[in-house]
Amino acid sequence: MEATHDFIIKLIANSSKMTYAALFCFSVILLVGQASGLTPADTITAVNRYIALAKSKIAPANLYKFTNCGGPSDMATFKSFSVSPDPISPPCKLNISFEFDVHQPVEGSLDLNLTIGVKVLGTWYELPCVASFLGSCNYNDICPYLDYTFERCPLSFIEHGIPCKCPLNVGNYQLPPTSVFLPEGFNSGEYLVKLVLSHKQRPVACGQVEFSFA
């Protein structure tokens, strides 16, 4: 059993780009193999082969997808949002561009409903809200948070006249491809992020992106 335990620890220590679900499956296979009478060496060999096969079969593909999930009466519209490379392989330079229209001025409070999902075995699962601010959460009036976070708007926003604080004035706003650095630390897999903005219970805009980390 010591060999099995050591291998599981080694697997976890060298698995920064593998999902926890995959690690769990591999560990279970290892333990079941040993319980079936295989020697530790044979079990480890079998699992190593399985890991190599799994990596070749489940590598994230080009899955990036943007959806404007808003309605025709919304106060604003997300027209496009592009991210490359696809799949994303941190650490890396991420190229981002977007375009949105504000049809009616949004003054005062701005609420955000954030949904974050992860795909496991072909099914999307919504991550829960933790401590009221991590995961899929509802944020009431994000304007003060934007003021605190963006004491000064990013230079690329300033150069293209894009607001990063409240209020949102009527206009068309476009950010051409802009590079930002994305650090490592993200588990590989398929993810979904959905943003729903509202003002006094009136829909402002809705956008959803699906992407993958390699």
N, C-alpha and C. Protein backbone atom coordinates (compact mmCIF):
# COMPACT_ATOMS: atom_id res chain seq x y z
N MET A 1 0.83 -1.21 0.00
CA MET A 1 0.00 0.00 0.00
C MET A 1 0.86 1.26 0.00
N GLU A 2 2.07 1.13 0.52
CA GLU A 2 2.94 2.30 0.56
C GLU A 2 3.26 2.79 -0.85
N ALA A 3 3.50 1.83 -1.78
CA ALA A 3 3.82 2.22 -3.16
C ALA A 3 2.65 2.95 -3.80
N THR A 4 1.44 2.47 -3.55
CA THR A 4 0.25 3.13 -4.08
C THR A 4 0.10 4.54 -3.53
N HIS A 5 0.26 4.68 -2.23
CA HIS A 5 0.15 6.00 -1.60
C HIS A 5 1.17 6.95 -2.16
N ASP A 6 2.43 6.47 -2.30
CA ASP A 6 3.49 7.33 -2.82
C ASP A 6 3.18 7.77 -4.25
N PHE A 7 2.63 6.86 -5.04
CA PHE A 7 2.33 7.20 -6.43
C PHE A 7 1.22 8.24 -6.51
N ILE A 8 0.21 8.10 -5.68
CA ILE A 8 -0.88 9.08 -5.67
C ILE A 8 -0.36 10.46 -5.30
N ILE A 9 0.51 10.50 -4.28
CA ILE A 9 1.11 11.78 -3.88
C ILE A 9 1.91 12.37 -5.02
N LYS A 10 2.69 11.52 -5.70
CA LYS A 10 3.49 11.99 -6.83
C LYS A 10 2.59 12.49 -7.95
N LEU A 11 1.50 11.77 -8.20
CA LEU A 11 0.55 12.17 -9.25
C LEU A 11 -0.03 13.54 -8.97
N ILE A 12 -0.42 13.76 -7.72
CA ILE A 12 -1.00 15.05 -7.34
C ILE A 12 0.03 16.16 -7.45
N ALA A 13 1.27 15.87 -7.03
CA ALA A 13 2.32 16.89 -7.02
C ALA A 13 2.69 17.33 -8.43
N ASN A 14 2.47 16.47 -9.43
CA ASN A 14 2.86 16.79 -10.80
C ASN A 14 1.66 16.98 -11.71
N SER A 15 0.57 17.47 -11.15
CA SER A 15 -0.67 17.51 -11.93
C SER A 15 -1.27 18.90 -11.99
N SER A 16 -0.45 19.94 -12.08
CA SER A 16 -0.99 21.30 -12.06
C SER A 16 -1.90 21.59 -13.23
N LYS A 17 -1.78 20.82 -14.33
CA LYS A 17 -2.60 21.09 -15.51
C LYS A 17 -3.69 20.03 -15.70
N MET A 18 -3.97 19.24 -14.66
CA MET A 18 -5.02 18.23 -14.75
C MET A 18 -6.13 18.58 -13.79
N THR A 19 -7.34 18.21 -14.12
CA THR A 19 -8.47 18.52 -13.27
C THR A 19 -8.50 17.62 -12.06
N TYR A 20 -9.11 18.12 -10.97
CA TYR A 20 -9.23 17.31 -9.77
C TYR A 20 -10.09 16.08 -10.03
N ALA A 21 -11.07 16.19 -10.91
CA ALA A 21 -11.91 15.03 -11.23
C ALA A 21 -11.08 13.92 -11.85
N ALA A 22 -10.16 14.30 -12.76
CA ALA A 22 -9.31 13.29 -13.39
C ALA A 22 -8.39 12.64 -12.36
N LEU A 23 -7.82 13.46 -11.48
CA LEU A 23 -6.96 12.92 -10.43
C LEU A 23 -7.70 11.92 -9.56
N PHE A 24 -8.92 12.25 -9.21
CA PHE A 24 -9.72 11.36 -8.38
C PHE A 24 -9.93 10.02 -9.09
N CYS A 25 -10.27 10.09 -10.37
CA CYS A 25 -10.51 8.86 -11.14
C CYS A 25 -9.25 8.00 -11.21
N PHE A 26 -8.10 8.65 -11.47
CA PHE A 26 -6.87 7.89 -11.57
C PHE A 26 -6.51 7.23 -10.25
N SER A 27 -6.71 7.96 -9.16
CA SER A 27 -6.39 7.42 -7.84
C SER A 27 -7.28 6.23 -7.51
N VAL A 28 -8.57 6.33 -7.85
CA VAL A 28 -9.49 5.22 -7.59
C VAL A 28 -9.08 3.99 -8.40
N ILE A 29 -8.73 4.20 -9.68
CA ILE A 29 -8.29 3.09 -10.52
C ILE A 29 -7.07 2.41 -9.92
N LEU A 30 -6.15 3.21 -9.41
CA LEU A 30 -4.94 2.67 -8.81
C LEU A 30 -5.26 1.79 -7.61
N LEU A 31 -6.14 2.25 -6.75
CA LEU A 31 -6.50 1.50 -5.54
C LEU A 31 -7.29 0.24 -5.89
N VAL A 32 -8.20 0.35 -6.85
CA VAL A 32 -8.98 -0.82 -7.27
C VAL A 32 -8.09 -1.87 -7.89
N GLY A 33 -7.13 -1.44 -8.69
CA GLY A 33 -6.21 -2.39 -9.30
C GLY A 33 -5.44 -3.18 -8.27
N GLN A 34 -4.97 -2.50 -7.23
CA GLN A 34 -4.22 -3.20 -6.20
C GLN A 34 -5.13 -4.13 -5.40
N ALA A 35 -6.38 -3.69 -5.17
CA ALA A 35 -7.32 -4.54 -4.45
C ALA A 35 -7.67 -5.79 -5.25
N SER A 36 -7.50 -5.74 -6.57
CA SER A 36 -7.82 -6.88 -7.42
C SER A 36 -6.69 -7.89 -7.49
N GLY A 37 -5.60 -7.62 -6.80
CA GLY A 37 -4.52 -8.58 -6.75
C GLY A 37 -3.31 -8.23 -7.59
N LEU A 38 -3.35 -7.10 -8.30
CA LEU A 38 -2.19 -6.69 -9.08
C LEU A 38 -1.08 -6.22 -8.16
N THR A 39 0.15 -6.43 -8.58
CA THR A 39 1.26 -5.92 -7.79
C THR A 39 1.30 -4.40 -7.92
N PRO A 40 1.91 -3.71 -6.97
CA PRO A 40 2.02 -2.25 -7.09
C PRO A 40 2.67 -1.81 -8.40
N ALA A 41 3.71 -2.55 -8.84
CA ALA A 41 4.40 -2.18 -10.08
C ALA A 41 3.48 -2.31 -11.28
N ASP A 42 2.72 -3.43 -11.35
CA ASP A 42 1.79 -3.62 -12.47
C ASP A 42 0.68 -2.58 -12.45
N THR A 43 0.20 -2.26 -11.25
CA THR A 43 -0.87 -1.27 -11.12
C THR A 43 -0.40 0.09 -11.59
N ILE A 44 0.81 0.47 -11.16
CA ILE A 44 1.36 1.77 -11.55
C ILE A 44 1.58 1.83 -13.05
N THR A 45 2.08 0.74 -13.64
CA THR A 45 2.29 0.69 -15.09
C THR A 45 0.97 0.87 -15.84
N ALA A 46 -0.07 0.18 -15.37
CA ALA A 46 -1.37 0.28 -16.01
C ALA A 46 -1.93 1.69 -15.93
N VAL A 47 -1.80 2.31 -14.76
CA VAL A 47 -2.32 3.66 -14.58
C VAL A 47 -1.53 4.65 -15.42
N ASN A 48 -0.20 4.46 -15.51
CA ASN A 48 0.60 5.35 -16.34
C ASN A 48 0.15 5.30 -17.80
N ARG A 49 -0.16 4.10 -18.27
CA ARG A 49 -0.66 3.96 -19.64
C ARG A 49 -2.01 4.64 -19.80
N TYR A 50 -2.85 4.49 -18.78
CA TYR A 50 -4.18 5.12 -18.83
C TYR A 50 -4.05 6.63 -18.84
N ILE A 51 -3.13 7.15 -18.03
CA ILE A 51 -2.92 8.60 -17.98
C ILE A 51 -2.49 9.13 -19.34
N ALA A 52 -1.53 8.43 -19.97
CA ALA A 52 -1.05 8.86 -21.28
C ALA A 52 -2.17 8.84 -22.30
N LEU A 53 -3.00 7.79 -22.27
CA LEU A 53 -4.12 7.71 -23.20
C LEU A 53 -5.14 8.80 -22.94
N ALA A 54 -5.43 9.04 -21.66
CA ALA A 54 -6.42 10.06 -21.30
C ALA A 54 -5.97 11.44 -21.74
N LYS A 55 -4.69 11.72 -21.55
CA LYS A 55 -4.18 13.03 -21.95
C LYS A 55 -4.31 13.23 -23.46
N SER A 56 -4.10 12.16 -24.22
CA SER A 56 -4.19 12.29 -25.68
C SER A 56 -5.63 12.40 -26.16
N LYS A 57 -6.59 11.89 -25.37
CA LYS A 57 -7.98 11.87 -25.79
C LYS A 57 -8.78 13.06 -25.31
N ILE A 58 -8.41 13.62 -24.15
CA ILE A 58 -9.25 14.66 -23.57
C ILE A 58 -8.63 16.05 -23.62
N ALA A 59 -7.58 16.21 -24.42
CA ALA A 59 -6.98 17.53 -24.54
C ALA A 59 -8.02 18.53 -25.04
N PRO A 60 -8.16 19.68 -24.39
CA PRO A 60 -9.17 20.66 -24.79
C PRO A 60 -8.99 21.07 -26.25
N ALA A 61 -10.08 21.16 -26.97
CA ALA A 61 -10.04 21.57 -28.36
C ALA A 61 -10.34 23.06 -28.46
N ASN A 62 -10.47 23.56 -29.69
CA ASN A 62 -10.83 24.96 -29.89
C ASN A 62 -12.31 25.11 -29.59
N LEU A 63 -12.62 25.59 -28.40
CA LEU A 63 -14.00 25.60 -27.94
C LEU A 63 -14.54 26.99 -27.65
N TYR A 64 -13.75 28.03 -27.97
CA TYR A 64 -14.20 29.37 -27.59
C TYR A 64 -15.50 29.73 -28.31
N LYS A 65 -16.43 30.28 -27.55
CA LYS A 65 -17.72 30.67 -28.11
C LYS A 65 -18.28 31.84 -27.31
N PHE A 66 -18.72 32.87 -28.02
CA PHE A 66 -19.35 34.03 -27.37
C PHE A 66 -20.82 34.09 -27.78
N THR A 67 -21.69 34.40 -26.81
CA THR A 67 -23.12 34.52 -27.07
C THR A 67 -23.66 35.78 -26.43
N ASN A 68 -24.36 36.59 -27.22
CA ASN A 68 -25.11 37.71 -26.65
C ASN A 68 -26.46 37.16 -26.21
N CYS A 69 -26.64 37.04 -24.90
CA CYS A 69 -27.86 36.42 -24.36
C CYS A 69 -28.90 37.46 -23.94
N GLY A 70 -28.69 38.71 -24.36
CA GLY A 70 -29.63 39.77 -24.00
C GLY A 70 -30.83 39.82 -24.94
N GLY A 71 -31.78 40.68 -24.60
CA GLY A 71 -32.98 40.85 -25.40
C GLY A 71 -32.97 42.16 -26.16
N PRO A 72 -33.92 42.34 -27.10
CA PRO A 72 -33.95 43.54 -27.93
C PRO A 72 -34.25 44.82 -27.16
N SER A 73 -34.84 44.71 -25.98
CA SER A 73 -35.18 45.90 -25.20
C SER A 73 -34.12 46.24 -24.15
N ASP A 74 -33.01 45.51 -24.13
CA ASP A 74 -31.95 45.79 -23.16
C ASP A 74 -31.37 47.18 -23.37
N MET A 75 -30.86 47.75 -22.30
CA MET A 75 -30.29 49.09 -22.36
C MET A 75 -28.93 49.11 -23.05
N ALA A 76 -28.30 47.95 -23.16
CA ALA A 76 -26.99 47.84 -23.82
C ALA A 76 -26.89 46.46 -24.47
N THR A 77 -25.91 46.31 -25.37
CA THR A 77 -25.74 45.05 -26.09
C THR A 77 -24.26 44.71 -26.19
N PHE A 78 -23.91 43.48 -25.79
CA PHE A 78 -22.57 42.96 -26.05
C PHE A 78 -22.55 42.44 -27.48
N LYS A 79 -21.84 43.12 -28.38
CA LYS A 79 -21.85 42.73 -29.79
C LYS A 79 -20.80 41.67 -30.10
N SER A 80 -19.67 41.74 -29.42
CA SER A 80 -18.62 40.74 -29.65
C SER A 80 -17.66 40.73 -28.47
N PHE A 81 -17.02 39.58 -28.30
CA PHE A 81 -15.97 39.44 -27.28
C PHE A 81 -15.08 38.30 -27.74
N SER A 82 -13.84 38.62 -28.08
CA SER A 82 -12.92 37.63 -28.63
C SER A 82 -11.71 37.44 -27.73
N VAL A 83 -11.29 36.18 -27.62
CA VAL A 83 -10.12 35.83 -26.82
C VAL A 83 -9.28 34.83 -27.60
N SER A 84 -7.98 35.03 -27.61
CA SER A 84 -7.07 34.06 -28.21
C SER A 84 -5.78 34.02 -27.37
N PRO A 85 -5.04 32.91 -27.37
CA PRO A 85 -5.23 31.71 -28.19
C PRO A 85 -6.38 30.85 -27.69
N ASP A 86 -6.71 29.85 -28.46
CA ASP A 86 -7.78 28.93 -28.11
C ASP A 86 -7.33 27.51 -28.47
N PRO A 87 -7.15 26.61 -27.49
CA PRO A 87 -7.42 26.83 -26.07
C PRO A 87 -6.37 27.71 -25.41
N ILE A 88 -6.69 28.21 -24.24
CA ILE A 88 -5.79 29.06 -23.46
C ILE A 88 -4.84 28.16 -22.67
N SER A 89 -3.56 28.46 -22.72
CA SER A 89 -2.57 27.63 -22.04
C SER A 89 -1.70 28.50 -21.14
N PRO A 90 -2.18 28.82 -19.91
CA PRO A 90 -1.40 29.66 -18.99
C PRO A 90 -0.09 28.98 -18.59
N PRO A 91 0.97 29.77 -18.29
CA PRO A 91 1.01 31.23 -18.41
C PRO A 91 1.17 31.63 -19.88
N CYS A 92 0.50 32.72 -20.25
CA CYS A 92 0.56 33.13 -21.65
C CYS A 92 0.07 34.57 -21.78
N LYS A 93 0.32 35.13 -22.95
CA LYS A 93 -0.25 36.42 -23.30
C LYS A 93 -1.62 36.18 -23.91
N LEU A 94 -2.61 36.86 -23.37
CA LEU A 94 -3.98 36.69 -23.81
C LEU A 94 -4.38 37.90 -24.64
N ASN A 95 -4.86 37.68 -25.85
CA ASN A 95 -5.33 38.77 -26.70
C ASN A 95 -6.84 38.90 -26.57
N ILE A 96 -7.29 40.08 -26.16
CA ILE A 96 -8.71 40.32 -25.91
C ILE A 96 -9.19 41.49 -26.76
N SER A 97 -10.37 41.35 -27.32
CA SER A 97 -11.02 42.46 -28.02
C SER A 97 -12.52 42.34 -27.79
N PHE A 98 -13.22 43.47 -27.82
CA PHE A 98 -14.67 43.43 -27.62
C PHE A 98 -15.32 44.67 -28.22
N GLU A 99 -16.64 44.59 -28.34
CA GLU A 99 -17.44 45.73 -28.79
C GLU A 99 -18.79 45.66 -28.10
N PHE A 100 -19.25 46.80 -27.59
CA PHE A 100 -20.59 46.85 -27.01
C PHE A 100 -21.22 48.21 -27.26
N ASP A 101 -22.54 48.20 -27.33
CA ASP A 101 -23.31 49.42 -27.52
C ASP A 101 -24.12 49.72 -26.27
N VAL A 102 -24.17 50.99 -25.90
CA VAL A 102 -25.07 51.44 -24.83
C VAL A 102 -26.17 52.25 -25.50
N HIS A 103 -27.39 51.74 -25.45
CA HIS A 103 -28.51 52.37 -26.15
C HIS A 103 -29.18 53.46 -25.32
N GLN A 104 -29.17 53.27 -24.01
CA GLN A 104 -29.77 54.23 -23.09
C GLN A 104 -28.80 54.45 -21.92
N PRO A 105 -28.70 55.67 -21.41
CA PRO A 105 -27.77 55.91 -20.31
C PRO A 105 -28.14 55.10 -19.07
N VAL A 106 -27.12 54.54 -18.44
CA VAL A 106 -27.31 53.76 -17.21
C VAL A 106 -26.70 54.56 -16.07
N GLU A 107 -27.55 55.18 -15.29
CA GLU A 107 -27.08 56.03 -14.19
C GLU A 107 -27.55 55.45 -12.86
N GLY A 108 -26.69 55.52 -11.88
CA GLY A 108 -27.04 54.98 -10.57
C GLY A 108 -26.51 53.57 -10.41
N SER A 109 -27.28 52.74 -9.72
CA SER A 109 -26.81 51.39 -9.39
C SER A 109 -26.75 50.49 -10.62
N LEU A 110 -25.84 49.53 -10.57
CA LEU A 110 -25.68 48.54 -11.63
C LEU A 110 -25.44 47.19 -10.95
N ASP A 111 -26.40 46.28 -11.10
CA ASP A 111 -26.31 44.98 -10.45
C ASP A 111 -25.74 43.94 -11.42
N LEU A 112 -25.04 42.96 -10.86
CA LEU A 112 -24.41 41.91 -11.66
C LEU A 112 -24.79 40.54 -11.14
N ASN A 113 -25.27 39.70 -12.05
CA ASN A 113 -25.48 38.28 -11.75
C ASN A 113 -24.42 37.50 -12.52
N LEU A 114 -23.54 36.84 -11.79
CA LEU A 114 -22.41 36.13 -12.40
C LEU A 114 -22.60 34.63 -12.25
N THR A 115 -22.50 33.92 -13.35
CA THR A 115 -22.58 32.47 -13.34
C THR A 115 -21.28 31.90 -13.91
N ILE A 116 -20.67 30.98 -13.16
CA ILE A 116 -19.45 30.30 -13.61
C ILE A 116 -19.73 28.80 -13.63
N GLY A 117 -19.48 28.19 -14.77
CA GLY A 117 -19.73 26.76 -14.90
C GLY A 117 -18.49 26.01 -15.36
N VAL A 118 -18.44 24.73 -15.06
CA VAL A 118 -17.36 23.85 -15.51
C VAL A 118 -17.99 22.59 -16.08
N LYS A 119 -17.44 22.10 -17.17
CA LYS A 119 -18.00 20.90 -17.81
C LYS A 119 -17.26 19.66 -17.31
N VAL A 120 -18.02 18.70 -16.81
CA VAL A 120 -17.47 17.44 -16.32
C VAL A 120 -18.20 16.31 -17.03
N LEU A 121 -17.44 15.48 -17.76
CA LEU A 121 -18.01 14.34 -18.48
C LEU A 121 -19.19 14.76 -19.36
N GLY A 122 -19.03 15.91 -20.03
CA GLY A 122 -20.03 16.36 -20.98
C GLY A 122 -21.20 17.13 -20.41
N THR A 123 -21.22 17.34 -19.09
CA THR A 123 -22.33 18.04 -18.45
C THR A 123 -21.83 19.30 -17.75
N TRP A 124 -22.55 20.42 -17.93
CA TRP A 124 -22.18 21.67 -17.27
C TRP A 124 -22.66 21.67 -15.82
N TYR A 125 -21.76 22.07 -14.91
CA TYR A 125 -22.10 22.21 -13.50
C TYR A 125 -21.79 23.64 -13.05
N GLU A 126 -22.75 24.25 -12.38
CA GLU A 126 -22.57 25.62 -11.90
C GLU A 126 -21.79 25.62 -10.59
N LEU A 127 -20.74 26.42 -10.54
CA LEU A 127 -19.97 26.54 -9.31
C LEU A 127 -20.77 27.36 -8.30
N PRO A 128 -20.76 26.98 -7.03
CA PRO A 128 -21.54 27.71 -6.03
C PRO A 128 -20.91 29.04 -5.67
N CYS A 129 -21.68 29.88 -5.02
CA CYS A 129 -21.17 31.15 -4.52
C CYS A 129 -20.56 30.92 -3.15
N VAL A 130 -19.30 31.30 -2.98
CA VAL A 130 -18.58 31.09 -1.73
C VAL A 130 -18.28 32.44 -1.09
N ALA A 131 -18.67 32.58 0.17
CA ALA A 131 -18.40 33.80 0.94
C ALA A 131 -18.98 35.04 0.27
N SER A 132 -20.03 34.87 -0.51
CA SER A 132 -20.78 35.96 -1.14
C SER A 132 -20.02 36.71 -2.22
N PHE A 133 -18.82 36.24 -2.60
CA PHE A 133 -18.10 36.99 -3.63
C PHE A 133 -17.25 36.11 -4.54
N LEU A 134 -17.17 34.80 -4.30
CA LEU A 134 -16.40 33.91 -5.16
C LEU A 134 -17.33 32.89 -5.80
N GLY A 135 -17.22 32.72 -7.11
CA GLY A 135 -18.06 31.74 -7.80
C GLY A 135 -19.26 32.39 -8.45
N SER A 136 -20.36 31.63 -8.54
CA SER A 136 -21.59 32.13 -9.16
C SER A 136 -22.39 32.92 -8.13
N CYS A 137 -22.28 34.24 -8.20
CA CYS A 137 -22.85 35.10 -7.16
C CYS A 137 -23.66 36.24 -7.77
N ASN A 138 -24.52 36.83 -6.95
CA ASN A 138 -25.23 38.06 -7.30
C ASN A 138 -24.56 39.22 -6.57
N TYR A 139 -24.24 40.26 -7.31
CA TYR A 139 -23.59 41.44 -6.74
C TYR A 139 -24.52 42.64 -6.88
N ASN A 140 -24.94 43.19 -5.77
CA ASN A 140 -25.81 44.36 -5.78
C ASN A 140 -24.99 45.63 -5.88
N ASP A 141 -25.27 46.43 -6.89
CA ASP A 141 -24.61 47.72 -7.12
C ASP A 141 -23.08 47.58 -7.15
N ILE A 142 -22.55 47.25 -8.30
CA ILE A 142 -21.11 47.08 -8.45
C ILE A 142 -20.39 48.40 -8.71
N CYS A 143 -21.13 49.51 -8.81
CA CYS A 143 -20.50 50.80 -9.10
C CYS A 143 -19.44 51.19 -8.06
N PRO A 144 -19.73 51.09 -6.76
CA PRO A 144 -18.68 51.42 -5.78
C PRO A 144 -17.46 50.52 -5.92
N TYR A 145 -17.69 49.25 -6.26
CA TYR A 145 -16.57 48.32 -6.44
C TYR A 145 -15.72 48.74 -7.64
N LEU A 146 -16.38 49.17 -8.72
CA LEU A 146 -15.64 49.62 -9.89
C LEU A 146 -14.83 50.87 -9.58
N ASP A 147 -15.41 51.78 -8.79
CA ASP A 147 -14.68 52.99 -8.40
C ASP A 147 -13.44 52.63 -7.60
N TYR A 148 -13.58 51.63 -6.72
CA TYR A 148 -12.45 51.22 -5.87
C TYR A 148 -11.39 50.49 -6.68
N THR A 149 -11.85 49.61 -7.59
CA THR A 149 -10.91 48.79 -8.37
C THR A 149 -10.19 49.61 -9.42
N PHE A 150 -10.94 50.47 -10.12
CA PHE A 150 -10.36 51.25 -11.20
C PHE A 150 -10.24 52.71 -10.79
N GLU A 151 -9.34 52.97 -9.85
CA GLU A 151 -9.08 54.36 -9.48
C GLU A 151 -8.65 55.13 -10.73
N ARG A 152 -7.95 54.42 -11.60
CA ARG A 152 -7.60 54.95 -12.92
C ARG A 152 -7.87 53.85 -13.93
N CYS A 153 -8.63 54.15 -14.97
CA CYS A 153 -8.96 53.14 -15.97
C CYS A 153 -7.69 52.65 -16.68
N PRO A 154 -7.69 51.39 -17.15
CA PRO A 154 -6.54 50.90 -17.93
C PRO A 154 -6.26 51.80 -19.11
N LEU A 155 -4.99 51.94 -19.46
CA LEU A 155 -4.59 52.84 -20.53
C LEU A 155 -5.29 52.51 -21.84
N SER A 156 -5.45 51.23 -22.14
CA SER A 156 -6.11 50.85 -23.39
C SER A 156 -7.57 51.31 -23.41
N PHE A 157 -8.22 51.34 -22.25
CA PHE A 157 -9.59 51.85 -22.17
C PHE A 157 -9.61 53.36 -22.40
N ILE A 158 -8.68 54.05 -21.77
CA ILE A 158 -8.62 55.51 -21.89
C ILE A 158 -8.39 55.90 -23.35
N GLU A 159 -7.46 55.19 -24.02
CA GLU A 159 -7.12 55.52 -25.40
C GLU A 159 -8.31 55.37 -26.34
N HIS A 160 -9.22 54.46 -26.01
CA HIS A 160 -10.36 54.19 -26.91
C HIS A 160 -11.69 54.67 -26.33
N GLY A 161 -11.61 55.49 -25.27
CA GLY A 161 -12.81 56.10 -24.72
C GLY A 161 -13.80 55.12 -24.13
N ILE A 162 -13.30 54.03 -23.56
CA ILE A 162 -14.17 53.00 -23.00
C ILE A 162 -14.35 53.23 -21.50
N PRO A 163 -15.57 53.31 -21.01
CA PRO A 163 -15.78 53.54 -19.58
C PRO A 163 -15.48 52.29 -18.77
N CYS A 164 -14.92 52.47 -17.59
CA CYS A 164 -14.70 51.35 -16.68
C CYS A 164 -15.37 51.61 -15.34
N LYS A 165 -16.14 52.69 -15.29
CA LYS A 165 -16.86 53.05 -14.07
C LYS A 165 -18.28 53.47 -14.45
N CYS A 166 -19.11 53.63 -13.45
CA CYS A 166 -20.46 54.16 -13.66
C CYS A 166 -20.39 55.69 -13.73
N PRO A 167 -21.30 56.33 -14.48
CA PRO A 167 -22.40 55.78 -15.27
C PRO A 167 -21.93 55.32 -16.64
N LEU A 168 -22.83 54.62 -17.36
CA LEU A 168 -22.57 54.21 -18.74
C LEU A 168 -23.34 55.14 -19.66
N ASN A 169 -22.61 55.87 -20.47
CA ASN A 169 -23.25 56.82 -21.39
C ASN A 169 -23.53 56.17 -22.74
N VAL A 170 -24.51 56.70 -23.44
CA VAL A 170 -24.88 56.17 -24.75
C VAL A 170 -23.69 56.25 -25.70
N GLY A 171 -23.46 55.18 -26.45
CA GLY A 171 -22.36 55.17 -27.41
C GLY A 171 -21.96 53.77 -27.82
N ASN A 172 -21.07 53.71 -28.80
CA ASN A 172 -20.48 52.46 -29.25
C ASN A 172 -19.04 52.40 -28.74
N TYR A 173 -18.69 51.32 -28.11
CA TYR A 173 -17.37 51.19 -27.49
C TYR A 173 -16.67 49.95 -28.03
N GLN A 174 -15.43 50.15 -28.50
CA GLN A 174 -14.68 49.05 -29.09
C GLN A 174 -13.26 49.02 -28.55
N LEU A 175 -12.82 47.81 -28.20
CA LEU A 175 -11.43 47.60 -27.80
C LEU A 175 -10.78 46.71 -28.85
N PRO A 176 -9.79 47.22 -29.60
CA PRO A 176 -9.08 46.37 -30.57
C PRO A 176 -8.25 45.33 -29.82
N PRO A 177 -7.74 44.31 -30.52
CA PRO A 177 -6.96 43.26 -29.85
C PRO A 177 -5.88 43.84 -28.94
N THR A 178 -5.96 43.49 -27.67
CA THR A 178 -5.06 44.01 -26.64
C THR A 178 -4.50 42.85 -25.84
N SER A 179 -3.19 42.86 -25.59
CA SER A 179 -2.54 41.75 -24.89
C SER A 179 -2.50 41.99 -23.39
N VAL A 180 -2.85 40.96 -22.64
CA VAL A 180 -2.71 40.96 -21.18
C VAL A 180 -2.06 39.65 -20.79
N PHE A 181 -1.33 39.67 -19.69
CA PHE A 181 -0.65 38.45 -19.24
C PHE A 181 -1.54 37.65 -18.32
N LEU A 182 -1.66 36.37 -18.60
CA LEU A 182 -2.45 35.47 -17.76
C LEU A 182 -1.50 34.51 -17.05
N PRO A 183 -1.43 34.56 -15.71
CA PRO A 183 -0.49 33.69 -14.97
C PRO A 183 -0.97 32.25 -14.96
N GLU A 184 -0.08 31.35 -14.54
CA GLU A 184 -0.46 29.95 -14.43
C GLU A 184 -1.32 29.74 -13.17
N GLY A 185 -1.83 28.54 -13.01
CA GLY A 185 -2.63 28.23 -11.83
C GLY A 185 -4.06 27.85 -12.15
N PHE A 186 -4.40 27.72 -13.45
CA PHE A 186 -5.76 27.36 -13.84
C PHE A 186 -5.80 25.89 -14.27
N ASN A 187 -6.74 25.15 -13.73
CA ASN A 187 -6.88 23.74 -14.10
C ASN A 187 -7.39 23.62 -15.53
N SER A 188 -6.88 22.63 -16.25
CA SER A 188 -7.34 22.41 -17.62
C SER A 188 -8.79 21.96 -17.61
N GLY A 189 -9.50 22.28 -18.67
CA GLY A 189 -10.91 21.90 -18.76
C GLY A 189 -11.71 22.93 -19.51
N GLU A 190 -13.01 22.72 -19.58
CA GLU A 190 -13.94 23.60 -20.28
C GLU A 190 -14.73 24.42 -19.26
N TYR A 191 -14.84 25.72 -19.52
CA TYR A 191 -15.48 26.63 -18.57
C TYR A 191 -16.50 27.52 -19.28
N LEU A 192 -17.41 28.04 -18.48
CA LEU A 192 -18.45 28.96 -18.97
C LEU A 192 -18.57 30.12 -17.98
N VAL A 193 -18.65 31.32 -18.52
CA VAL A 193 -18.87 32.51 -17.69
C VAL A 193 -20.02 33.31 -18.31
N LYS A 194 -21.02 33.61 -17.50
CA LYS A 194 -22.18 34.38 -17.97
C LYS A 194 -22.37 35.60 -17.10
N LEU A 195 -22.47 36.77 -17.73
CA LEU A 195 -22.68 38.04 -17.04
C LEU A 195 -24.05 38.59 -17.39
N VAL A 196 -24.84 38.89 -16.38
CA VAL A 196 -26.15 39.52 -16.58
C VAL A 196 -26.17 40.82 -15.78
N LEU A 197 -26.24 41.94 -16.48
CA LEU A 197 -26.27 43.25 -15.83
C LEU A 197 -27.70 43.77 -15.80
N SER A 198 -28.05 44.44 -14.70
CA SER A 198 -29.39 45.01 -14.58
C SER A 198 -29.32 46.32 -13.81
N HIS A 199 -30.34 47.15 -14.03
CA HIS A 199 -30.43 48.46 -13.38
C HIS A 199 -31.85 48.63 -12.86
N LYS A 200 -31.99 48.62 -11.54
CA LYS A 200 -33.31 48.73 -10.91
C LYS A 200 -34.26 47.67 -11.47
N GLN A 201 -33.76 46.45 -11.54
CA GLN A 201 -34.49 45.27 -12.02
C GLN A 201 -34.82 45.32 -13.51
N ARG A 202 -34.23 46.25 -14.21
CA ARG A 202 -34.42 46.32 -15.66
C ARG A 202 -33.18 45.76 -16.35
N PRO A 203 -33.33 44.87 -17.34
CA PRO A 203 -32.17 44.29 -18.02
C PRO A 203 -31.31 45.34 -18.70
N VAL A 204 -30.02 45.25 -18.46
CA VAL A 204 -29.07 46.14 -19.12
C VAL A 204 -28.37 45.40 -20.26
N ALA A 205 -27.75 44.26 -19.95
CA ALA A 205 -27.04 43.49 -20.98
C ALA A 205 -26.75 42.10 -20.45
N CYS A 206 -26.51 41.18 -21.38
CA CYS A 206 -26.18 39.81 -21.02
C CYS A 206 -25.16 39.27 -22.02
N GLY A 207 -24.10 38.67 -21.51
CA GLY A 207 -23.09 38.07 -22.37
C GLY A 207 -22.58 36.77 -21.77
N GLN A 208 -22.27 35.82 -22.62
CA GLN A 208 -21.78 34.52 -22.15
C GLN A 208 -20.62 34.06 -23.02
N VAL A 209 -19.57 33.54 -22.38
CA VAL A 209 -18.43 32.98 -23.11
C VAL A 209 -18.16 31.57 -22.63
N GLU A 210 -17.78 30.71 -23.56
CA GLU A 210 -17.32 29.36 -23.25
C GLU A 210 -15.89 29.25 -23.76
N PHE A 211 -15.01 28.68 -22.95
CA PHE A 211 -13.60 28.60 -23.33
C PHE A 211 -12.96 27.40 -22.64
N SER A 212 -11.73 27.13 -23.00
CA SER A 212 -11.04 25.99 -22.41
C SER A 212 -9.62 26.37 -22.02
N PHE A 213 -9.13 25.76 -20.95
CA PHE A 213 -7.74 25.86 -20.53
C PHE A 213 -7.04 24.55 -20.87
N ALA A 214 -5.89 24.65 -21.53
CA ALA A 214 -5.13 23.45 -21.89
C ALA A 214 -4.23 23.05 -20.73
